[in-house]
């Protein structure tokens, strides 16, 4: 038997995908001493964990509550359904199409307009890193000059949330971000209660579901959660999708010719190289998995990246393919998705449709602005991360499209 991989090792950080195969085949339920958790790697076990009522999201009490406060992530039952009922309409349907998509489009094209004439760009540094944060600030109708401050809070909170090694400085900075962001947001929330507008912050202030309305602290916490969950996944997904298409030029040509395929490219990226590689859960009772039993009261580390490359579910799982027949692409952003990148079951990501809109608008605008896209000379890809994973840089050269209209 091959030795169990260490999920905190440099080898794992450099390229976890071959090690996922070892975990699935030989260590499907593995105790990891460094994080004091059981690592679960097979698709059937990961998908089953999301739907199992004996497995809860109480891990967020220590993982995210210190920096966000108590959020929808850790709610269950009627409380969870009520709060989900409040925010769901904000991120889908007519509100998404009529209010959010135009703002996203303006933000994407405006930012691309700042570098399109250069003929070269590091897409991580000049676009994907700041685009989703700017979108969130714009949707909340907060001053755009505050985007750098939001980005700083975002990085501090993300360091806390993904701090599986327990670094004390990262914890301290994350807690400081909660205080600072709260001091900034609370007066803004109070002002929207007194003077409603036509923005996401107002929607959270005014909407109710089943007699439940969000408190000021609920809204502050949701804004904090939105900043990190929406920022981190979208930031990484944009560059990963672009990279996957560049590595598969025939599929890039198809997407460029038919922009309806952008959604497929994003969905396949979520399966192939998902920005979120791991989600934690907690066993409330003893739970049987295909590779063994985990007793009550333990943390689970569900390896989404491994589940989404399980050959028992996906044919040729290590190949990027926007035409694969073993994934229903029209369901890829719903709770009936085949992949696990947005979780599954009752805690399926409430922002999945927003993420699809952000990436679709961004990639469509980038393809409009940039012809003949290629890697810059000498570029060597570095993909890193255990909890979330993405590229550290993506330097590109291109021919500017003179007909591109910036926002």
Protein backbone atom coordinates (compact mmCIF):
# COMPACT_ATOMS: atom_id res chain seq x y z
CA UNK A 1 0.00 0.00 0.00
CA UNK A 2 1.22 3.49 -0.88
CA UNK A 3 1.86 5.77 2.09
CA UNK A 4 -0.97 8.22 2.80
CA UNK A 5 -0.29 11.66 1.28
CA UNK A 6 0.06 14.62 3.62
CA UNK A 7 -2.36 17.36 2.57
CA UNK A 8 -0.04 19.98 4.09
CA UNK A 9 3.07 18.83 2.21
CA UNK A 10 4.81 20.87 -0.51
CA UNK A 11 4.21 17.98 -2.94
CA UNK A 12 0.47 18.16 -2.31
CA UNK A 13 0.40 21.94 -2.67
CA UNK A 14 2.30 21.74 -5.97
CA UNK A 15 -0.04 19.18 -7.55
CA UNK A 16 -2.67 17.36 -5.50
CA UNK A 17 -4.37 15.58 -8.41
CA UNK A 18 -2.13 12.45 -8.59
CA UNK A 19 -2.33 12.24 -4.79
CA UNK A 20 -6.13 12.37 -4.92
CA UNK A 21 -5.97 9.11 -6.86
CA UNK A 22 -3.88 7.53 -4.11
CA UNK A 23 -6.34 8.74 -1.48
CA UNK A 24 -9.41 7.47 -3.36
CA UNK A 25 -7.88 4.06 -4.09
CA UNK A 26 -6.02 3.33 -0.87
CA UNK A 27 -6.98 5.84 1.86
CA UNK A 28 -10.58 6.91 1.15
CA UNK A 29 -11.19 7.73 4.83
CA UNK A 30 -7.91 8.99 6.26
CA UNK A 31 -7.13 10.53 9.63
CA UNK A 32 -4.88 13.57 9.18
CA UNK A 33 -2.95 14.36 12.33
CA UNK A 34 -1.87 17.84 11.30
CA UNK A 35 -5.43 19.17 10.98
CA UNK A 36 -7.07 16.75 13.42
CA UNK A 37 -9.66 15.74 10.85
CA UNK A 38 -10.75 12.85 8.65
CA UNK A 39 -10.04 13.35 4.95
CA UNK A 40 -12.78 12.04 2.62
CA UNK A 41 -11.91 11.71 -1.07
CA UNK A 42 -14.36 9.51 -3.04
CA UNK A 43 -17.25 11.08 -4.93
CA UNK A 44 -19.92 8.86 -3.39
CA UNK A 45 -18.67 9.71 0.12
CA UNK A 46 -18.31 13.46 -0.49
CA UNK A 47 -21.70 13.76 -2.21
CA UNK A 48 -23.31 11.60 0.46
CA UNK A 49 -21.84 13.71 3.25
CA UNK A 50 -23.51 16.87 1.91
CA UNK A 51 -26.92 15.15 1.98
CA UNK A 52 -26.53 13.21 5.23
CA UNK A 53 -28.54 14.69 8.15
CA UNK A 54 -26.07 13.07 10.56
CA UNK A 55 -23.39 15.41 9.20
CA UNK A 56 -23.72 19.09 10.06
CA UNK A 57 -22.06 22.40 9.24
CA UNK A 58 -21.33 23.16 12.90
CA UNK A 59 -17.66 23.35 11.98
CA UNK A 60 -18.38 26.92 10.88
CA UNK A 61 -18.81 27.85 14.54
CA UNK A 62 -15.02 27.88 14.80
CA UNK A 63 -14.02 28.11 11.16
CA UNK A 64 -15.89 31.23 10.03
CA UNK A 65 -18.11 32.59 12.83
CA UNK A 66 -15.23 34.45 14.53
CA UNK A 67 -14.71 36.60 11.41
CA UNK A 68 -18.18 36.68 9.83
CA UNK A 69 -20.47 36.21 12.78
CA UNK A 70 -23.19 33.60 12.57
CA UNK A 71 -24.24 33.18 8.93
CA UNK A 72 -26.45 31.09 6.69
CA UNK A 73 -23.57 28.61 6.32
CA UNK A 74 -24.19 27.16 9.77
CA UNK A 75 -27.98 27.45 9.98
CA UNK A 76 -30.23 24.41 9.77
CA UNK A 77 -33.95 23.67 9.49
CA UNK A 78 -36.52 26.47 9.38
CA UNK A 79 -33.97 29.14 10.22
CA UNK A 80 -31.84 28.12 7.24
CA UNK A 81 -34.79 27.92 4.84
CA UNK A 82 -36.08 31.34 5.96
CA UNK A 83 -32.76 33.13 5.45
CA UNK A 84 -32.18 31.29 2.18
CA UNK A 85 -35.64 32.41 1.09
CA UNK A 86 -34.62 36.02 1.70
CA UNK A 87 -31.35 35.97 -0.26
CA UNK A 88 -32.23 33.46 -3.02
CA UNK A 89 -34.33 35.90 -5.10
CA UNK A 90 -31.51 38.45 -4.96
CA UNK A 91 -29.07 36.17 -6.78
CA UNK A 92 -31.27 34.67 -9.49
CA UNK A 93 -34.20 35.41 -11.77
CA UNK A 94 -35.30 38.91 -12.74
CA UNK A 95 -33.33 40.75 -10.05
CA UNK A 96 -30.11 39.09 -11.20
CA UNK A 97 -30.77 39.78 -14.88
CA UNK A 98 -32.17 43.30 -14.57
CA UNK A 99 -30.19 44.76 -11.67
CA UNK A 100 -27.01 42.76 -11.21
CA UNK A 101 -25.90 41.75 -14.72
CA UNK A 102 -25.80 45.36 -16.04
CA UNK A 103 -23.63 46.40 -13.09
CA UNK A 104 -21.33 43.41 -13.60
CA UNK A 105 -21.02 44.19 -17.31
CA UNK A 106 -20.09 47.81 -16.64
CA UNK A 107 -17.51 46.78 -14.04
CA UNK A 108 -15.88 44.16 -16.27
CA UNK A 109 -15.64 46.31 -19.39
CA UNK A 110 -14.43 49.32 -17.45
CA UNK A 111 -11.60 47.37 -15.87
CA UNK A 112 -10.60 45.71 -19.16
CA UNK A 113 -10.55 49.15 -20.76
CA UNK A 114 -7.67 50.09 -18.47
CA UNK A 115 -5.26 47.60 -20.07
CA UNK A 116 -6.69 46.48 -23.43
CA UNK A 117 -4.52 48.88 -25.47
CA UNK A 118 -1.34 47.44 -23.93
CA UNK A 119 -1.51 44.12 -25.80
CA UNK A 120 -0.35 42.31 -22.68
CA UNK A 121 -1.67 41.71 -19.19
CA UNK A 122 -1.19 39.59 -16.10
CA UNK A 123 -4.83 38.59 -15.80
CA UNK A 124 -4.47 37.73 -12.11
CA UNK A 125 -3.00 41.07 -11.09
CA UNK A 126 -4.81 43.45 -13.47
CA UNK A 127 -8.26 41.88 -13.63
CA UNK A 128 -9.43 38.78 -11.77
CA UNK A 129 -8.04 39.75 -8.37
CA UNK A 130 -10.01 43.00 -8.10
CA UNK A 131 -12.96 42.50 -10.49
CA UNK A 132 -15.21 40.44 -8.15
CA UNK A 133 -14.49 42.73 -5.18
CA UNK A 134 -15.40 45.75 -7.28
CA UNK A 135 -18.61 44.02 -8.40
CA UNK A 136 -19.66 43.36 -4.79
CA UNK A 137 -18.93 46.96 -3.73
CA UNK A 138 -20.89 48.22 -6.73
CA UNK A 139 -23.84 45.91 -6.02
CA UNK A 140 -23.97 47.19 -2.44
CA UNK A 141 -23.91 50.75 -3.84
CA UNK A 142 -20.90 51.71 -1.76
CA UNK A 143 -18.19 54.16 -2.88
CA UNK A 144 -15.95 52.61 -5.53
CA UNK A 145 -12.94 54.40 -4.04
CA UNK A 146 -13.35 52.02 -1.10
CA UNK A 147 -12.60 48.93 -3.25
CA UNK A 148 -8.92 48.78 -2.10
CA UNK A 149 -10.08 48.74 1.53
CA UNK A 150 -12.56 45.94 0.79
CA UNK A 151 -9.82 44.00 -0.96
CA UNK A 152 -7.63 44.30 2.13
CA UNK A 153 -10.45 43.05 4.37
CA UNK A 154 -11.11 40.25 1.90
CA UNK A 155 -7.52 38.99 2.00
CA UNK A 156 -7.38 39.22 5.80
CA UNK A 157 -10.62 37.27 6.25
CA UNK A 158 -9.67 34.66 3.64
CA UNK A 159 -6.35 34.08 5.41
CA UNK A 160 -8.32 33.38 8.60
CA UNK A 161 -10.87 31.06 6.95
CA UNK A 162 -8.25 28.99 5.11
CA UNK A 163 -5.81 28.93 8.04
CA UNK A 164 -5.82 25.18 8.60
CA UNK A 165 -2.37 25.32 10.24
CA UNK A 166 -3.54 27.71 12.99
CA UNK A 167 -1.20 30.64 12.28
CA UNK A 168 -1.86 33.12 15.11
CA UNK A 169 -1.04 36.24 13.08
CA UNK A 170 -3.54 35.27 10.37
CA UNK A 171 -6.17 34.75 13.07
CA UNK A 172 -5.42 38.15 14.60
CA UNK A 173 -5.65 39.94 11.27
CA UNK A 174 -8.91 38.20 10.42
CA UNK A 175 -10.48 39.33 13.69
CA UNK A 176 -9.24 42.87 13.11
CA UNK A 177 -10.90 42.83 9.67
CA UNK A 178 -14.23 41.84 11.22
CA UNK A 179 -14.11 44.81 13.60
CA UNK A 180 -13.03 47.31 10.94
CA UNK A 181 -15.53 46.10 8.37
CA UNK A 182 -18.32 46.15 10.94
CA UNK A 183 -17.53 49.73 11.91
CA UNK A 184 -17.69 50.66 8.23
CA UNK A 185 -20.88 48.75 7.33
CA UNK A 186 -23.17 49.32 10.30
CA UNK A 187 -23.80 53.03 9.57
CA UNK A 188 -24.37 52.17 5.89
CA UNK A 189 -26.95 49.52 6.81
CA UNK A 190 -28.74 51.93 9.17
CA UNK A 191 -28.79 54.58 6.44
CA UNK A 192 -30.41 52.14 3.94
CA UNK A 193 -33.08 51.25 6.48
CA UNK A 194 -33.89 54.95 6.74
CA UNK A 195 -33.46 55.70 3.01
CA UNK A 196 -33.89 52.58 0.83
CA UNK A 197 -32.31 52.57 -2.60
CA UNK A 198 -32.16 50.17 -5.54
CA UNK A 199 -29.21 48.02 -4.59
CA UNK A 200 -28.24 44.74 -2.97
CA UNK A 201 -27.83 46.26 0.49
CA UNK A 202 -31.34 47.70 0.34
CA UNK A 203 -32.72 44.37 -0.86
CA UNK A 204 -31.31 42.62 2.22
CA UNK A 205 -32.65 45.40 4.45
CA UNK A 206 -36.20 45.30 3.09
CA UNK A 207 -36.91 41.69 2.04
CA UNK A 208 -38.47 39.11 4.33
CA UNK A 209 -39.46 35.47 4.03
CA UNK A 210 -41.96 33.55 6.12
CA UNK A 211 -42.15 36.48 8.55
CA UNK A 212 -38.36 36.59 9.02
CA UNK A 213 -36.26 39.67 8.25
CA UNK A 214 -32.48 40.02 8.48
CA UNK A 215 -31.11 42.05 11.38
CA UNK A 216 -28.34 44.61 10.92
CA UNK A 217 -25.79 42.12 12.23
CA UNK A 218 -27.16 39.40 9.91
CA UNK A 219 -26.65 41.74 6.95
CA UNK A 220 -23.15 42.71 8.09
CA UNK A 221 -22.25 39.03 8.37
CA UNK A 222 -23.72 38.21 4.98
CA UNK A 223 -21.78 41.06 3.36
CA UNK A 224 -18.60 39.69 4.92
CA UNK A 225 -19.45 36.18 3.70
CA UNK A 226 -20.32 37.46 0.22
CA UNK A 227 -17.03 39.33 0.01
CA UNK A 228 -14.96 36.22 0.69
CA UNK A 229 -17.09 33.45 -0.82
CA UNK A 230 -17.91 35.46 -3.94
CA UNK A 231 -14.52 37.10 -4.27
CA UNK A 232 -12.31 34.05 -3.78
CA UNK A 233 -14.17 31.66 -6.08
CA UNK A 234 -14.74 34.14 -8.90
CA UNK A 235 -11.19 35.49 -8.75
CA UNK A 236 -9.69 32.05 -9.20
CA UNK A 237 -12.35 30.71 -11.58
CA UNK A 238 -11.76 33.42 -14.19
CA UNK A 239 -8.05 32.70 -14.59
CA UNK A 240 -8.47 28.93 -14.27
CA UNK A 241 -11.13 28.90 -17.00
CA UNK A 242 -8.97 31.07 -19.27
CA UNK A 243 -5.97 28.80 -18.60
CA UNK A 244 -7.96 25.63 -19.31
CA UNK A 245 -9.19 27.06 -22.62
CA UNK A 246 -5.69 28.19 -23.63
CA UNK A 247 -4.43 24.68 -22.91
CA UNK A 248 -7.18 23.32 -25.18
CA UNK A 249 -7.11 25.61 -28.25
CA UNK A 250 -9.82 23.75 -30.16
CA UNK A 251 -12.22 24.29 -27.29
CA UNK A 252 -11.09 27.92 -26.98
CA UNK A 253 -11.97 28.43 -30.66
CA UNK A 254 -15.41 26.90 -30.10
CA UNK A 255 -16.10 29.16 -27.10
CA UNK A 256 -14.90 32.24 -28.96
CA UNK A 257 -17.25 31.41 -31.84
CA UNK A 258 -20.23 30.51 -29.63
CA UNK A 259 -20.34 32.41 -26.34
CA UNK A 260 -23.20 30.21 -25.12
CA UNK A 261 -20.44 27.67 -24.41
CA UNK A 262 -18.86 29.89 -21.74
CA UNK A 263 -21.17 28.35 -19.14
CA UNK A 264 -19.96 24.88 -20.13
CA UNK A 265 -16.32 25.99 -19.89
CA UNK A 266 -16.94 27.38 -16.42
CA UNK A 267 -18.82 24.25 -15.27
CA UNK A 268 -16.06 21.99 -16.56
CA UNK A 269 -13.45 24.18 -14.85
CA UNK A 270 -15.36 23.74 -11.57
CA UNK A 271 -15.07 19.99 -12.03
CA UNK A 272 -11.55 19.87 -13.47
CA UNK A 273 -9.74 22.52 -11.41
CA UNK A 274 -12.31 23.93 -8.99
CA UNK A 275 -11.31 27.02 -6.99
CA UNK A 276 -12.61 25.38 -3.81
CA UNK A 277 -10.80 22.08 -3.28
CA UNK A 278 -11.97 21.34 0.26
CA UNK A 279 -15.02 21.98 2.44
CA UNK A 280 -15.28 21.00 6.08
CA UNK A 281 -18.21 19.37 7.87
CA UNK A 282 -18.77 17.67 11.24
CA UNK A 283 -20.23 14.29 12.18
CA UNK A 284 -23.08 14.48 14.71
CA UNK A 285 -23.40 10.69 14.88
CA UNK A 286 -21.27 7.76 13.74
CA UNK A 287 -21.25 7.79 9.92
CA UNK A 288 -20.32 4.95 7.58
CA UNK A 289 -18.41 5.75 4.41
CA UNK A 290 -17.25 3.42 1.64
CA UNK A 291 -13.79 3.31 3.19
CA UNK A 292 -14.68 3.14 6.89
CA UNK A 293 -16.61 4.71 9.75
CA UNK A 294 -16.10 8.12 11.32
CA UNK A 295 -17.40 8.45 14.85
CA UNK A 296 -19.49 11.36 16.12
CA UNK A 297 -17.91 14.71 16.89
CA UNK A 298 -15.14 14.68 14.29
CA UNK A 299 -14.29 17.21 11.61
CA UNK A 300 -14.45 16.01 8.01
CA UNK A 301 -12.34 17.49 5.23
CA UNK A 302 -14.32 16.76 2.06
CA UNK A 303 -11.99 16.87 -0.94
CA UNK A 304 -14.15 18.34 -3.69
CA UNK A 305 -11.20 18.36 -6.09
CA UNK A 306 -10.77 14.62 -5.64
CA UNK A 307 -14.49 13.83 -5.88
CA UNK A 308 -14.73 15.76 -9.14
CA UNK A 309 -11.97 13.62 -10.68
CA UNK A 310 -13.34 10.28 -9.50
CA UNK A 311 -13.27 7.88 -12.50
CA UNK A 312 -16.24 6.02 -11.01
CA UNK A 313 -18.35 9.05 -11.96
CA UNK A 314 -16.48 10.97 -14.69
CA UNK A 315 -14.88 9.37 -17.74
CA UNK A 316 -11.36 10.58 -18.51
CA UNK A 317 -11.52 12.73 -15.36
CA UNK A 318 -8.06 14.23 -15.90
CA UNK A 319 -9.09 15.69 -19.26
CA UNK A 320 -10.76 19.09 -19.66
CA UNK A 321 -13.77 18.56 -21.94
CA UNK A 322 -16.65 20.99 -22.40
CA UNK A 323 -18.55 18.32 -24.33
CA UNK A 324 -18.39 15.51 -21.79
CA UNK A 325 -21.57 13.45 -21.69
CA UNK A 326 -21.36 12.42 -18.04
CA UNK A 327 -22.22 15.88 -16.69
CA UNK A 328 -25.54 17.67 -17.22
CA UNK A 329 -24.32 21.17 -18.02
CA UNK A 330 -27.80 22.70 -17.83
CA UNK A 331 -27.90 21.70 -14.15
CA UNK A 332 -24.32 22.64 -13.31
CA UNK A 333 -25.30 25.76 -11.35
CA UNK A 334 -28.24 24.23 -9.50
CA UNK A 335 -28.59 21.95 -6.48
CA UNK A 336 -28.94 19.05 -8.96
CA UNK A 337 -25.37 19.55 -10.24
CA UNK A 338 -23.22 16.50 -10.96
CA UNK A 339 -20.02 18.16 -9.72
CA UNK A 340 -19.49 19.02 -6.04
CA UNK A 341 -17.78 22.40 -6.47
CA UNK A 342 -20.73 24.34 -4.98
CA UNK A 343 -21.49 21.63 -2.39
CA UNK A 344 -24.77 19.72 -2.69
CA UNK A 345 -28.05 19.36 -0.83
CA UNK A 346 -29.52 21.94 1.54
CA UNK A 347 -26.32 24.00 1.70
CA UNK A 348 -25.78 24.24 -2.06
CA UNK A 349 -24.09 27.59 -2.74
CA UNK A 350 -26.69 30.35 -2.76
CA UNK A 351 -24.45 32.47 -4.98
CA UNK A 352 -23.93 29.91 -7.78
CA UNK A 353 -25.99 31.89 -10.30
CA UNK A 354 -24.20 35.11 -9.37
CA UNK A 355 -20.86 33.34 -9.90
CA UNK A 356 -22.00 32.11 -13.31
CA UNK A 357 -23.13 35.62 -14.26
CA UNK A 358 -19.85 37.21 -13.11
CA UNK A 359 -17.65 34.72 -14.96
CA UNK A 360 -19.80 34.66 -18.11
CA UNK A 361 -19.80 38.45 -18.38
CA UNK A 362 -16.06 38.67 -17.64
CA UNK A 363 -14.96 35.98 -20.09
CA UNK A 364 -17.28 37.28 -22.80
CA UNK A 365 -15.81 40.78 -22.40
CA UNK A 366 -12.23 39.48 -22.36
CA UNK A 367 -12.80 37.54 -25.59
CA UNK A 368 -14.38 40.63 -27.14
CA UNK A 369 -11.36 42.74 -26.18
CA UNK A 370 -8.51 40.30 -26.83
CA UNK A 371 -7.71 38.42 -30.04
CA UNK A 372 -4.87 35.91 -30.52
CA UNK A 373 -4.53 35.30 -26.77
CA UNK A 374 -1.35 33.44 -25.80
CA UNK A 375 0.87 32.89 -22.77
CA UNK A 376 3.67 35.42 -22.39
CA UNK A 377 7.12 34.11 -23.34
CA UNK A 378 8.72 32.07 -20.60
CA UNK A 379 5.57 31.76 -18.51
CA UNK A 380 5.59 28.80 -16.13
CA UNK A 381 2.29 27.99 -14.50
CA UNK A 382 2.17 27.91 -10.71
CA UNK A 383 -1.09 26.63 -9.25
CA UNK A 384 -1.22 26.52 -5.46
CA UNK A 385 -3.52 26.07 -2.49
CA UNK A 386 -5.07 23.37 -0.32
CA UNK A 387 -8.40 24.78 0.86
CA UNK A 388 -8.84 27.02 -2.19
CA UNK A 389 -6.60 26.71 -5.22
CA UNK A 390 -5.66 28.91 -8.13
CA UNK A 391 -2.96 30.46 -10.28
CA UNK A 392 -0.47 32.91 -8.81
CA UNK A 393 -0.17 34.73 -12.14
CA UNK A 394 -1.42 34.50 -15.71
CA UNK A 395 0.66 36.76 -18.02
CA UNK A 396 -0.87 36.93 -21.49
CA UNK A 397 -0.17 38.60 -24.81
CA UNK A 398 -2.94 39.46 -27.25
CA UNK A 399 -4.00 41.62 -30.15
CA UNK A 400 -6.30 44.42 -28.94
CA UNK A 401 -9.68 44.50 -30.66
CA UNK A 402 -10.14 48.09 -31.90
CA UNK A 403 -13.93 47.66 -31.82
CA UNK A 404 -14.05 46.80 -28.10
CA UNK A 405 -16.29 49.15 -26.14
CA UNK A 406 -15.17 49.68 -22.54
CA UNK A 407 -17.72 50.24 -19.79
